[in-house]
Protein backbone atom coordinates (compact mmCIF):
# COMPACT_ATOMS: atom_id res chain seq x y z
CA MET A 1 -119.60 -68.30 -283.67
CA ALA A 2 -117.21 -65.34 -283.33
CA MET A 3 -118.76 -61.94 -282.84
CA ASP A 4 -117.42 -59.02 -284.82
CA GLU A 5 -116.82 -55.59 -283.31
CA ASP A 6 -119.92 -54.01 -284.91
CA LEU A 7 -122.18 -56.53 -283.21
CA ALA A 8 -120.33 -56.36 -279.89
CA ILE A 9 -120.91 -52.58 -279.86
CA LEU A 10 -124.63 -53.02 -280.58
CA ILE A 11 -125.01 -55.55 -277.76
CA ALA A 12 -123.17 -53.21 -275.38
CA GLU A 13 -125.59 -50.45 -276.40
CA PHE A 14 -128.62 -52.63 -275.55
CA ASP A 15 -127.06 -53.24 -272.12
CA ALA A 16 -126.26 -49.54 -271.65
CA SER A 17 -129.86 -48.57 -272.45
CA VAL A 18 -131.23 -50.91 -269.78
CA SER A 19 -128.72 -49.48 -267.30
CA HIS A 20 -129.68 -45.92 -268.31
CA LEU A 21 -133.36 -46.77 -267.80
CA GLU A 22 -132.60 -48.09 -264.32
CA GLY A 23 -130.81 -44.86 -263.39
CA ILE A 24 -133.65 -42.68 -264.67
CA THR A 25 -136.47 -44.58 -262.97
CA VAL A 26 -134.98 -45.60 -259.63
CA GLY A 27 -137.25 -44.64 -256.75
CA LEU A 28 -139.96 -42.97 -258.84
CA SER A 29 -143.55 -42.93 -257.64
CA ARG A 30 -146.41 -43.50 -260.09
CA GLU A 31 -147.11 -39.75 -260.01
CA GLN A 32 -143.49 -38.91 -260.90
CA PHE A 33 -143.37 -41.62 -263.59
CA ASN A 34 -146.43 -40.11 -265.29
CA TRP A 35 -145.69 -36.40 -264.70
CA ARG A 36 -145.52 -34.25 -267.84
CA PRO A 37 -143.34 -31.13 -267.96
CA ALA A 38 -145.82 -29.36 -270.28
CA ALA A 39 -149.05 -29.95 -272.15
CA GLY A 40 -148.32 -32.22 -275.09
CA ALA A 41 -144.93 -33.27 -273.70
CA TRP A 42 -144.33 -36.90 -272.76
CA SER A 43 -143.79 -38.20 -269.26
CA ILE A 44 -141.02 -40.65 -268.35
CA GLY A 45 -143.63 -43.41 -268.54
CA GLU A 46 -144.72 -42.34 -272.01
CA CYS A 47 -141.12 -42.27 -273.29
CA ILE A 48 -140.55 -45.81 -272.05
CA GLY A 49 -144.00 -46.99 -273.12
CA HIS A 50 -143.32 -45.70 -276.63
CA LEU A 51 -140.06 -47.67 -276.78
CA ASN A 52 -141.90 -50.77 -275.56
CA VAL A 53 -144.49 -50.50 -278.33
CA VAL A 54 -141.98 -49.75 -281.09
CA ASN A 55 -139.34 -52.28 -280.03
CA ALA A 56 -141.78 -55.13 -279.43
CA GLY A 57 -142.92 -54.70 -283.03
CA GLU A 58 -139.33 -55.17 -284.23
CA ILE A 59 -138.86 -58.64 -282.75
CA ALA A 60 -140.73 -60.74 -285.34
CA PRO A 61 -139.28 -59.00 -288.45
CA LEU A 62 -135.75 -59.21 -287.05
CA ARG A 63 -136.15 -62.88 -286.13
CA ALA A 64 -137.49 -63.66 -289.62
CA ALA A 65 -134.59 -61.83 -291.30
CA ILE A 66 -132.01 -63.64 -289.17
CA GLU A 67 -133.58 -67.07 -289.73
CA ASN A 68 -133.85 -66.42 -293.47
CA ALA A 69 -130.22 -65.28 -293.65
CA ARG A 70 -129.02 -68.35 -291.75
CA ALA A 71 -130.98 -70.63 -294.10
CA ARG A 72 -129.51 -68.86 -297.13
CA GLY A 73 -125.96 -68.71 -295.72
CA ILE A 74 -125.57 -64.91 -295.95
CA THR A 75 -122.42 -64.63 -293.87
CA GLY A 76 -119.70 -62.01 -293.69
CA ASP A 77 -117.19 -60.22 -291.54
CA GLY A 78 -117.28 -56.57 -290.48
CA PRO A 79 -116.70 -53.80 -290.38
CA PHE A 80 -119.98 -53.27 -292.20
CA HIS A 81 -120.96 -50.18 -294.15
CA TYR A 82 -124.49 -49.02 -294.84
CA GLY A 83 -125.99 -46.92 -297.60
CA PHE A 84 -126.82 -43.24 -297.56
CA LEU A 85 -130.52 -43.69 -296.68
CA SER A 86 -129.79 -45.97 -293.73
CA ARG A 87 -127.15 -43.58 -292.39
CA LYS A 88 -129.49 -40.61 -292.90
CA TRP A 89 -132.37 -42.33 -291.08
CA ILE A 90 -130.12 -43.28 -288.14
CA GLY A 91 -128.65 -39.77 -288.06
CA SER A 92 -132.11 -38.20 -287.93
CA LEU A 93 -132.69 -39.88 -284.55
CA ALA A 94 -129.24 -39.37 -283.07
CA LEU A 95 -128.42 -37.00 -280.23
CA PRO A 96 -128.14 -34.08 -280.01
CA LEU A 97 -131.71 -33.53 -281.13
CA THR A 98 -132.00 -31.45 -284.25
CA ARG A 99 -135.56 -32.39 -285.21
CA LYS A 100 -138.69 -33.47 -283.45
CA PHE A 101 -140.91 -36.14 -284.92
CA LYS A 102 -144.55 -36.87 -284.21
CA ALA A 103 -145.06 -40.53 -283.38
CA PRO A 104 -147.59 -42.36 -285.58
CA LYS A 105 -150.80 -43.27 -283.72
CA VAL A 106 -149.88 -46.94 -283.67
CA TYR A 107 -146.74 -46.08 -281.65
CA LEU A 108 -148.36 -43.76 -279.12
CA PRO A 109 -147.82 -44.90 -275.52
CA PRO A 110 -150.48 -45.11 -272.83
CA ALA A 111 -150.98 -41.77 -271.03
CA ASP A 112 -150.92 -43.35 -267.57
CA ALA A 113 -148.44 -46.17 -267.03
CA GLU A 114 -147.74 -48.46 -264.12
CA PRO A 115 -144.00 -48.03 -263.44
CA ALA A 116 -143.01 -51.60 -262.48
CA ALA A 117 -144.86 -53.20 -265.42
CA THR A 118 -143.58 -50.64 -267.94
CA ILE A 119 -139.97 -51.01 -266.76
CA ALA A 120 -140.25 -54.83 -266.72
CA GLU A 121 -141.57 -54.78 -270.29
CA TYR A 122 -138.65 -52.60 -271.41
CA ARG A 123 -136.21 -55.05 -269.82
CA ARG A 124 -137.99 -58.04 -271.44
CA VAL A 125 -138.09 -56.54 -274.94
CA SER A 126 -134.49 -55.31 -274.68
CA ALA A 127 -133.32 -58.76 -273.61
CA GLU A 128 -135.11 -60.29 -276.60
CA LEU A 129 -133.54 -57.76 -279.00
CA ARG A 130 -130.13 -58.35 -277.43
CA LYS A 131 -130.57 -62.11 -277.90
CA LEU A 132 -131.54 -61.60 -281.55
CA ALA A 133 -128.50 -59.37 -282.09
CA SER A 134 -126.26 -62.04 -280.55
CA SER A 135 -127.85 -64.71 -282.76
CA SER A 136 -126.85 -62.73 -285.85
CA ALA A 137 -123.14 -63.30 -285.19
CA GLY A 138 -121.41 -64.36 -288.39
CA LEU A 139 -124.10 -62.95 -290.68
CA ASP A 140 -123.34 -60.18 -293.14
CA LEU A 141 -125.09 -57.32 -291.33
CA ALA A 142 -125.03 -55.19 -294.48
CA LYS A 143 -126.44 -57.81 -296.89
CA VAL A 144 -129.17 -59.25 -294.64
CA LYS A 145 -132.27 -57.12 -295.20
CA THR A 146 -135.08 -56.51 -292.71
CA SER A 147 -138.63 -55.34 -293.21
CA MET A 148 -139.68 -52.02 -291.71
CA PRO A 149 -142.84 -52.40 -289.62
CA ALA A 150 -143.13 -48.61 -289.17
CA LEU A 151 -143.75 -48.15 -292.89
CA PRO A 152 -147.19 -48.39 -294.48
CA PRO A 153 -147.95 -52.03 -295.42
CA TRP A 154 -147.86 -51.36 -299.16
CA LEU A 155 -144.28 -50.01 -298.90
CA ARG A 156 -142.81 -52.79 -296.75
CA PRO A 157 -142.05 -55.22 -299.62
CA PHE A 158 -140.04 -52.53 -301.42
CA VAL A 159 -138.19 -50.70 -298.64
CA ARG A 160 -135.89 -52.82 -296.54
CA MET A 161 -132.98 -51.94 -294.28
CA PRO A 162 -129.74 -53.85 -293.61
CA LEU A 163 -129.87 -55.81 -290.36
CA GLY A 164 -126.93 -53.97 -288.79
CA ALA A 165 -128.42 -50.58 -289.67
CA ARG A 166 -131.80 -51.70 -288.28
CA LEU A 167 -130.24 -52.73 -284.96
CA THR A 168 -128.33 -49.43 -284.88
CA LEU A 169 -131.55 -47.53 -285.55
CA ILE A 170 -133.21 -49.29 -282.60
CA THR A 171 -130.38 -48.46 -280.19
CA THR A 172 -130.24 -44.86 -281.48
CA HIS A 173 -134.01 -44.49 -281.03
CA ASP A 174 -133.72 -45.88 -277.49
CA ARG A 175 -130.96 -43.40 -276.61
CA ARG A 176 -133.09 -40.55 -277.94
CA HIS A 177 -136.14 -41.37 -275.80
CA LEU A 178 -134.15 -42.32 -272.70
CA TRP A 179 -132.44 -38.93 -272.96
CA GLN A 180 -135.90 -37.37 -273.29
CA ALA A 181 -137.07 -39.24 -270.16
CA GLU A 182 -133.96 -38.10 -268.30
CA GLN A 183 -134.73 -34.48 -269.21
CA VAL A 184 -138.18 -34.90 -267.63
CA ARG A 185 -136.59 -36.14 -264.40
CA LEU A 186 -134.12 -33.25 -264.42
CA HIS A 187 -136.86 -30.66 -265.06
CA ARG A 188 -136.87 -27.90 -262.41
CA GLU A 189 -140.58 -28.50 -261.67
CA PHE A 190 -140.32 -32.28 -261.43
CA PRO A 191 -142.38 -33.35 -258.37
CA CYS A 192 -140.40 -34.41 -255.30
């Protein structure tokens, strides 16, 4: 199945995030991986751990939406356009940072992370998301709707996001926290 440009860009962004992670974490000790620049600030390990928790929770809803769309024949060609709320939500996470958000308890990362396992989990989850994105080739990324696991359970049946916007939100969220992790590594007091 031919892949449209929107999807090709998303897949390239998943690859770029894994590459960015590799650059940030190369050669780090456990102490460096878990070092916090200030009280209440996240370490590199916490930034990546947060992405692992959030992104792993996206796999099942995305897979269900893609399978459902295939069964129903919801196909289309890009470029795809998304509504105001989807664009606003994506924009709220985009760089440069204009707002900070407090992560819900369910998405809080472990305070002390083992570097190799945390990095391997990020690679695994990213590869799964990339595979799901690839499997959505030919679908109408604006018409296929996905559930939002971050929302309270009672809201999930009513608030859904287009598949393409959901994938864009994931890659935007990854960029945000990988940038945050990079800032920790670049901090003037980062341990040598």
